[in-house]
Amino acid sequence: MKKIAYIAGGIVIGIVFSTTAGAFADSVKSMVGKKVTGEYSVIVNGKNLTEKGAVIDSRATVPARALSEALGADVKVSGKTITITTSEEVPNEGATAQVPSNENNQFSGKSKAYLESMKKGYVSEILPPLLEGLEKVTKEYEAVKATGQEDVTALAKQKVDDYQKLVNDAKSELALIEAALQVASQ
């Protein structure tokens, strides 16, 4: 009698799993087994992402993590759910998240999220290596200058001047970004 109960229970469980699995499979449009028909570069705020986008089943797809991180969003994966959170509030329909236009500032008219991302990039990724490079070539220039070799000293001085221009340009652009960000935050 117990054998029959176990067999009947197994059949019932098998039927339940097979019908729910089929229903679940119908509700999810999977990319598994689909043909990739194309590939393209993804550019975010003027920078190429290292990961490429793909055309799968006539639909363009982008790498969610790379795209979100490039936009300064926080990405978390839990089970089969990807949660993307931005630091900026989503504007109401019809509202605009744009900075008022200012002809003297190339960053005017950009969104607050874009400006924050650009500022973060300048502060953490662009300026530090430029400042380190400037310090290095300045030390090299001082060392070469002490040798008295005019031709080498002139080349070293040119390197220092080039780095100084790059640093000044980056600082100027950062100031423009900060000015546009102040307007966007109002």
C-alpha atoms as a PDB file:
ATOM      1  CA  MET A   1       0.000   0.000   0.000  1.00  0.00           C
ATOM      2  CA  LYS A   2       2.839   2.393   0.846  1.00  0.00           C
ATOM      3  CA  LYS A   3       4.472   1.607  -2.491  1.00  0.00           C
ATOM      4  CA  ILE A   4       1.368   2.701  -4.360  1.00  0.00           C
ATOM      5  CA  ALA A   5       1.176   5.921  -2.310  1.00  0.00           C
ATOM      6  CA  TYR A   6       4.831   6.717  -3.098  1.00  0.00           C
ATOM      7  CA  ILE A   7       4.320   6.011  -6.798  1.00  0.00           C
ATOM      8  CA  ALA A   8       1.138   8.100  -6.914  1.00  0.00           C
ATOM      9  CA  GLY A   9       2.856  10.910  -4.995  1.00  0.00           C
ATOM     10  CA  GLY A  10       5.810  10.786  -7.412  1.00  0.00           C
ATOM     11  CA  ILE A  11       3.489  10.985 -10.409  1.00  0.00           C
ATOM     12  CA  VAL A  12       1.603  13.957  -8.921  1.00  0.00           C
ATOM     13  CA  ILE A  13       4.859  15.773  -8.118  1.00  0.00           C
ATOM     14  CA  GLY A  14       6.173  15.023 -11.621  1.00  0.00           C
ATOM     15  CA  ILE A  15       3.022  16.455 -13.210  1.00  0.00           C
ATOM     16  CA  VAL A  16       3.184  19.579 -11.039  1.00  0.00           C
ATOM     17  CA  PHE A  17       6.856  20.212 -11.885  1.00  0.00           C
ATOM     18  CA  SER A  18       6.409  19.572 -15.599  1.00  0.00           C
ATOM     19  CA  THR A  19       3.420  21.916 -15.945  1.00  0.00           C
ATOM     20  CA  THR A  20       4.928  24.728 -13.861  1.00  0.00           C
ATOM     21  CA  ALA A  21       8.269  24.444 -15.663  1.00  0.00           C
ATOM     22  CA  GLY A  22       6.483  24.690 -19.016  1.00  0.00           C
ATOM     23  CA  ALA A  23       4.468  27.696 -17.863  1.00  0.00           C
ATOM     24  CA  PHE A  24       7.618  29.362 -16.506  1.00  0.00           C
ATOM     25  CA  ALA A  25       9.494  28.706 -19.749  1.00  0.00           C
ATOM     26  CA  ASP A  26       6.672  30.317 -21.724  1.00  0.00           C
ATOM     27  CA  SER A  27       6.799  33.459 -19.584  1.00  0.00           C
ATOM     28  CA  VAL A  28      10.567  33.967 -20.009  1.00  0.00           C
ATOM     29  CA  LYS A  29      11.944  34.965 -23.386  1.00  0.00           C
ATOM     30  CA  SER A  30      15.373  33.437 -23.201  1.00  0.00           C
ATOM     31  CA  MET A  31      18.332  34.361 -25.351  1.00  0.00           C
ATOM     32  CA  VAL A  32      19.783  30.889 -24.843  1.00  0.00           C
ATOM     33  CA  GLY A  33      20.162  29.156 -28.170  1.00  0.00           C
ATOM     34  CA  LYS A  34      19.424  32.302 -30.190  1.00  0.00           C
ATOM     35  CA  LYS A  35      21.732  33.303 -33.005  1.00  0.00           C
ATOM     36  CA  VAL A  36      23.937  36.349 -32.601  1.00  0.00           C
ATOM     37  CA  THR A  37      23.632  38.186 -35.916  1.00  0.00           C
ATOM     38  CA  GLY A  38      25.774  41.224 -35.180  1.00  0.00           C
ATOM     39  CA  GLU A  39      28.054  43.041 -32.794  1.00  0.00           C
ATOM     40  CA  TYR A  40      28.554  46.733 -32.145  1.00  0.00           C
ATOM     41  CA  SER A  41      30.536  49.107 -29.973  1.00  0.00           C
ATOM     42  CA  VAL A  42      28.782  50.852 -27.095  1.00  0.00           C
ATOM     43  CA  ILE A  43      29.853  54.448 -26.397  1.00  0.00           C
ATOM     44  CA  VAL A  44      28.837  56.081 -23.102  1.00  0.00           C
ATOM     45  CA  ASN A  45      29.619  59.768 -22.571  1.00  0.00           C
ATOM     46  CA  GLY A  46      32.177  59.669 -25.371  1.00  0.00           C
ATOM     47  CA  LYS A  47      34.024  56.597 -24.055  1.00  0.00           C
ATOM     48  CA  ASN A  48      33.920  53.126 -25.603  1.00  0.00           C
ATOM     49  CA  LEU A  49      32.881  50.321 -23.276  1.00  0.00           C
ATOM     50  CA  THR A  50      35.249  47.358 -23.264  1.00  0.00           C
ATOM     51  CA  GLU A  51      32.292  45.015 -23.629  1.00  0.00           C
ATOM     52  CA  LYS A  52      30.438  44.972 -26.942  1.00  0.00           C
ATOM     53  CA  GLY A  53      26.715  45.023 -27.600  1.00  0.00           C
ATOM     54  CA  ALA A  54      25.099  42.289 -29.665  1.00  0.00           C
ATOM     55  CA  VAL A  55      22.190  41.828 -32.037  1.00  0.00           C
ATOM     56  CA  ILE A  56      20.338  38.686 -30.984  1.00  0.00           C
ATOM     57  CA  ASP A  57      17.130  37.614 -32.665  1.00  0.00           C
ATOM     58  CA  SER A  58      16.838  41.057 -34.340  1.00  0.00           C
ATOM     59  CA  ARG A  59      17.135  42.869 -30.983  1.00  0.00           C
ATOM     60  CA  ALA A  60      19.978  45.073 -29.803  1.00  0.00           C
ATOM     61  CA  THR A  61      21.337  44.086 -26.401  1.00  0.00           C
ATOM     62  CA  VAL A  62      23.848  45.920 -24.228  1.00  0.00           C
ATOM     63  CA  PRO A  63      25.971  44.663 -21.341  1.00  0.00           C
ATOM     64  CA  ALA A  64      23.959  45.857 -18.320  1.00  0.00           C
ATOM     65  CA  ARG A  65      26.797  45.945 -15.789  1.00  0.00           C
ATOM     66  CA  ALA A  66      29.270  47.781 -18.039  1.00  0.00           C
ATOM     67  CA  LEU A  67      26.630  50.291 -19.148  1.00  0.00           C
ATOM     68  CA  SER A  68      25.348  50.939 -15.632  1.00  0.00           C
ATOM     69  CA  GLU A  69      28.818  51.352 -14.152  1.00  0.00           C
ATOM     70  CA  ALA A  70      29.792  53.733 -16.961  1.00  0.00           C
ATOM     71  CA  LEU A  71      26.775  55.854 -16.023  1.00  0.00           C
ATOM     72  CA  GLY A  72      27.718  55.760 -12.346  1.00  0.00           C
ATOM     73  CA  ALA A  73      24.886  53.459 -11.297  1.00  0.00           C
ATOM     74  CA  ASP A  74      25.110  50.776  -8.619  1.00  0.00           C
ATOM     75  CA  VAL A  75      24.547  47.233  -9.946  1.00  0.00           C
ATOM     76  CA  LYS A  76      23.533  44.281  -7.776  1.00  0.00           C
ATOM     77  CA  VAL A  77      22.675  40.746  -8.875  1.00  0.00           C
ATOM     78  CA  SER A  78      20.569  38.590  -6.607  1.00  0.00           C
ATOM     79  CA  GLY A  79      19.414  35.255  -7.943  1.00  0.00           C
ATOM     80  CA  LYS A  80      17.938  35.945 -11.367  1.00  0.00           C
ATOM     81  CA  THR A  81      17.307  39.636 -10.666  1.00  0.00           C
ATOM     82  CA  ILE A  82      19.575  42.515 -11.683  1.00  0.00           C
ATOM     83  CA  THR A  83      18.946  45.711  -9.705  1.00  0.00           C
ATOM     84  CA  ILE A  84      20.355  48.989 -11.046  1.00  0.00           C
ATOM     85  CA  THR A  85      20.217  52.053  -8.821  1.00  0.00           C
ATOM     86  CA  THR A  86      21.225  55.588  -9.746  1.00  0.00           C
ATOM     87  CA  SER A  87      22.013  58.396  -7.357  1.00  0.00           C
ATOM     88  CA  GLU A  88      19.783  60.775  -9.300  1.00  0.00           C
ATOM     89  CA  GLU A  89      16.033  60.898  -8.832  1.00  0.00           C
ATOM     90  CA  VAL A  90      14.099  60.039 -11.962  1.00  0.00           C
ATOM     91  CA  PRO A  91      12.297  63.148 -13.202  1.00  0.00           C
ATOM     92  CA  ASN A  92       8.535  63.195 -13.573  1.00  0.00           C
ATOM     93  CA  GLU A  93       7.119  62.774 -17.035  1.00  0.00           C
ATOM     94  CA  GLY A  94       7.472  66.014 -18.933  1.00  0.00           C
ATOM     95  CA  ALA A  95      10.133  67.316 -16.523  1.00  0.00           C
ATOM     96  CA  THR A  96      13.620  67.830 -17.806  1.00  0.00           C
ATOM     97  CA  ALA A  97      16.862  66.885 -16.068  1.00  0.00           C
ATOM     98  CA  GLN A  98      18.904  69.179 -18.282  1.00  0.00           C
ATOM     99  CA  VAL A  99      21.014  72.138 -17.265  1.00  0.00           C
ATOM    100  CA  PRO A 100      19.977  75.465 -18.797  1.00  0.00           C
ATOM    101  CA  SER A 101      22.062  76.265 -21.861  1.00  0.00           C
ATOM    102  CA  ASN A 102      25.157  78.427 -21.446  1.00  0.00           C
ATOM    103  CA  GLU A 103      27.092  79.224 -24.602  1.00  0.00           C
ATOM    104  CA  ASN A 104      30.438  79.622 -22.779  1.00  0.00           C
ATOM    105  CA  ASN A 105      30.353  76.199 -21.127  1.00  0.00           C
ATOM    106  CA  GLN A 106      30.532  73.057 -23.257  1.00  0.00           C
ATOM    107  CA  PHE A 107      29.023  71.056 -20.372  1.00  0.00           C
ATOM    108  CA  SER A 108      25.914  73.203 -20.040  1.00  0.00           C
ATOM    109  CA  GLY A 109      22.745  71.418 -21.037  1.00  0.00           C
ATOM    110  CA  LYS A 110      24.029  68.024 -19.850  1.00  0.00           C
ATOM    111  CA  SER A 111      22.160  65.976 -17.274  1.00  0.00           C
ATOM    112  CA  LYS A 112      23.131  66.034 -13.619  1.00  0.00           C
ATOM    113  CA  ALA A 113      24.031  62.320 -13.730  1.00  0.00           C
ATOM    114  CA  TYR A 114      26.310  62.900 -16.724  1.00  0.00           C
ATOM    115  CA  LEU A 115      28.028  65.845 -15.014  1.00  0.00           C
ATOM    116  CA  GLU A 116      28.536  63.883 -11.786  1.00  0.00           C
ATOM    117  CA  SER A 117      29.999  61.017 -13.795  1.00  0.00           C
ATOM    118  CA  MET A 118      32.331  63.373 -15.674  1.00  0.00           C
ATOM    119  CA  LYS A 119      33.453  65.060 -12.438  1.00  0.00           C
ATOM    120  CA  LYS A 120      34.156  61.685 -10.851  1.00  0.00           C
ATOM    121  CA  GLY A 121      36.176  60.662 -13.911  1.00  0.00           C
ATOM    122  CA  TYR A 122      38.259  63.831 -13.890  1.00  0.00           C
ATOM    123  CA  VAL A 123      38.896  63.712 -10.135  1.00  0.00           C
ATOM    124  CA  SER A 124      39.712  60.004  -9.897  1.00  0.00           C
ATOM    125  CA  GLU A 125      40.956  58.926 -13.339  1.00  0.00           C
ATOM    126  CA  ILE A 126      42.234  61.896 -15.349  1.00  0.00           C
ATOM    127  CA  LEU A 127      43.873  64.373 -12.974  1.00  0.00           C
ATOM    128  CA  PRO A 128      45.836  61.984 -10.688  1.00  0.00           C
ATOM    129  CA  PRO A 129      47.922  60.378 -13.479  1.00  0.00           C
ATOM    130  CA  LEU A 130      48.500  63.790 -15.080  1.00  0.00           C
ATOM    131  CA  LEU A 131      49.695  65.263 -11.787  1.00  0.00           C
ATOM    132  CA  GLU A 132      51.948  62.246 -11.176  1.00  0.00           C
ATOM    133  CA  GLY A 133      53.351  62.570 -14.695  1.00  0.00           C
ATOM    134  CA  LEU A 134      53.962  66.292 -14.208  1.00  0.00           C
ATOM    135  CA  GLU A 135      55.807  65.607 -10.963  1.00  0.00           C
ATOM    136  CA  LYS A 136      57.914  62.897 -12.632  1.00  0.00           C
ATOM    137  CA  VAL A 137      58.913  64.972 -15.675  1.00  0.00           C
ATOM    138  CA  THR A 138      59.620  67.976 -13.441  1.00  0.00           C
ATOM    139  CA  LYS A 139      62.064  65.860 -11.399  1.00  0.00           C
ATOM    140  CA  GLU A 140      63.640  64.565 -14.626  1.00  0.00           C
ATOM    141  CA  TYR A 141      63.939  68.130 -15.903  1.00  0.00           C
ATOM    142  CA  GLU A 142      65.667  69.265 -12.696  1.00  0.00           C
ATOM    143  CA  ALA A 143      68.107  66.329 -12.932  1.00  0.00           C
ATOM    144  CA  VAL A 144      68.876  66.984 -16.614  1.00  0.00           C
ATOM    145  CA  LYS A 145      69.182  70.714 -16.005  1.00  0.00           C
ATOM    146  CA  ALA A 146      71.942  70.031 -13.467  1.00  0.00           C
ATOM    147  CA  THR A 147      74.004  68.239 -16.144  1.00  0.00           C
ATOM    148  CA  GLY A 148      74.199  71.383 -18.274  1.00  0.00           C
ATOM    149  CA  GLN A 149      73.323  69.635 -21.548  1.00  0.00           C
ATOM    150  CA  GLU A 150      71.297  72.276 -23.352  1.00  0.00           C
ATOM    151  CA  ASP A 151      69.651  70.091 -26.005  1.00  0.00           C
ATOM    152  CA  VAL A 152      68.495  67.463 -23.498  1.00  0.00           C
ATOM    153  CA  THR A 153      67.422  70.203 -21.059  1.00  0.00           C
ATOM    154  CA  ALA A 154      65.302  71.839 -23.779  1.00  0.00           C
ATOM    155  CA  LEU A 155      63.548  68.519 -24.520  1.00  0.00           C
ATOM    156  CA  ALA A 156      62.926  67.913 -20.814  1.00  0.00           C
ATOM    157  CA  LYS A 157      61.557  71.461 -20.430  1.00  0.00           C
ATOM    158  CA  GLN A 158      59.200  70.858 -23.394  1.00  0.00           C
ATOM    159  CA  LYS A 159      57.928  67.696 -21.674  1.00  0.00           C
ATOM    160  CA  VAL A 160      57.237  69.656 -18.482  1.00  0.00           C
ATOM    161  CA  ASP A 161      55.417  72.349 -20.469  1.00  0.00           C
ATOM    162  CA  ASP A 162      53.328  69.723 -22.292  1.00  0.00           C
ATOM    163  CA  TYR A 163      52.306  68.049 -19.034  1.00  0.00           C
ATOM    164  CA  GLN A 164      51.556  71.416 -17.431  1.00  0.00           C
ATOM    165  CA  LYS A 165      49.251  72.268 -20.355  1.00  0.00           C
ATOM    166  CA  LEU A 166      47.435  68.935 -19.990  1.00  0.00           C
ATOM    167  CA  VAL A 167      46.987  69.506 -16.253  1.00  0.00           C
ATOM    168  CA  ASN A 168      45.759  73.071 -16.798  1.00  0.00           C
ATOM    169  CA  ASP A 169      43.319  71.949 -19.505  1.00  0.00           C
ATOM    170  CA  ALA A 170      41.945  69.167 -17.282  1.00  0.00           C
ATOM    171  CA  LYS A 171      41.551  71.575 -14.353  1.00  0.00           C
ATOM    172  CA  SER A 172      39.767  74.083 -16.617  1.00  0.00           C
ATOM    173  CA  GLU A 173      37.358  71.423 -17.873  1.00  0.00           C
ATOM    174  CA  LEU A 174      36.751  70.249 -14.298  1.00  0.00           C
ATOM    175  CA  ALA A 175      35.904  73.832 -13.319  1.00  0.00           C
ATOM    176  CA  LEU A 176      33.404  74.006 -16.213  1.00  0.00           C
ATOM    177  CA  ILE A 177      31.878  70.699 -15.142  1.00  0.00           C
ATOM    178  CA  GLU A 178      31.553  71.922 -11.552  1.00  0.00           C
ATOM    179  CA  ALA A 179      29.952  75.176 -12.723  1.00  0.00           C
ATOM    180  CA  ALA A 180      27.437  73.288 -14.873  1.00  0.00           C
ATOM    181  CA  LEU A 181      26.799  70.902 -11.988  1.00  0.00           C
ATOM    182  CA  GLN A 182      26.003  73.803  -9.656  1.00  0.00           C
ATOM    183  CA  VAL A 183      23.403  75.061 -12.128  1.00  0.00           C
ATOM    184  CA  ALA A 184      22.000  71.535 -12.513  1.00  0.00           C
ATOM    185  CA  SER A 185      21.703  71.124  -8.736  1.00  0.00           C
ATOM    186  CA  GLN A 186      19.592  74.275  -8.328  1.00  0.00           C
END
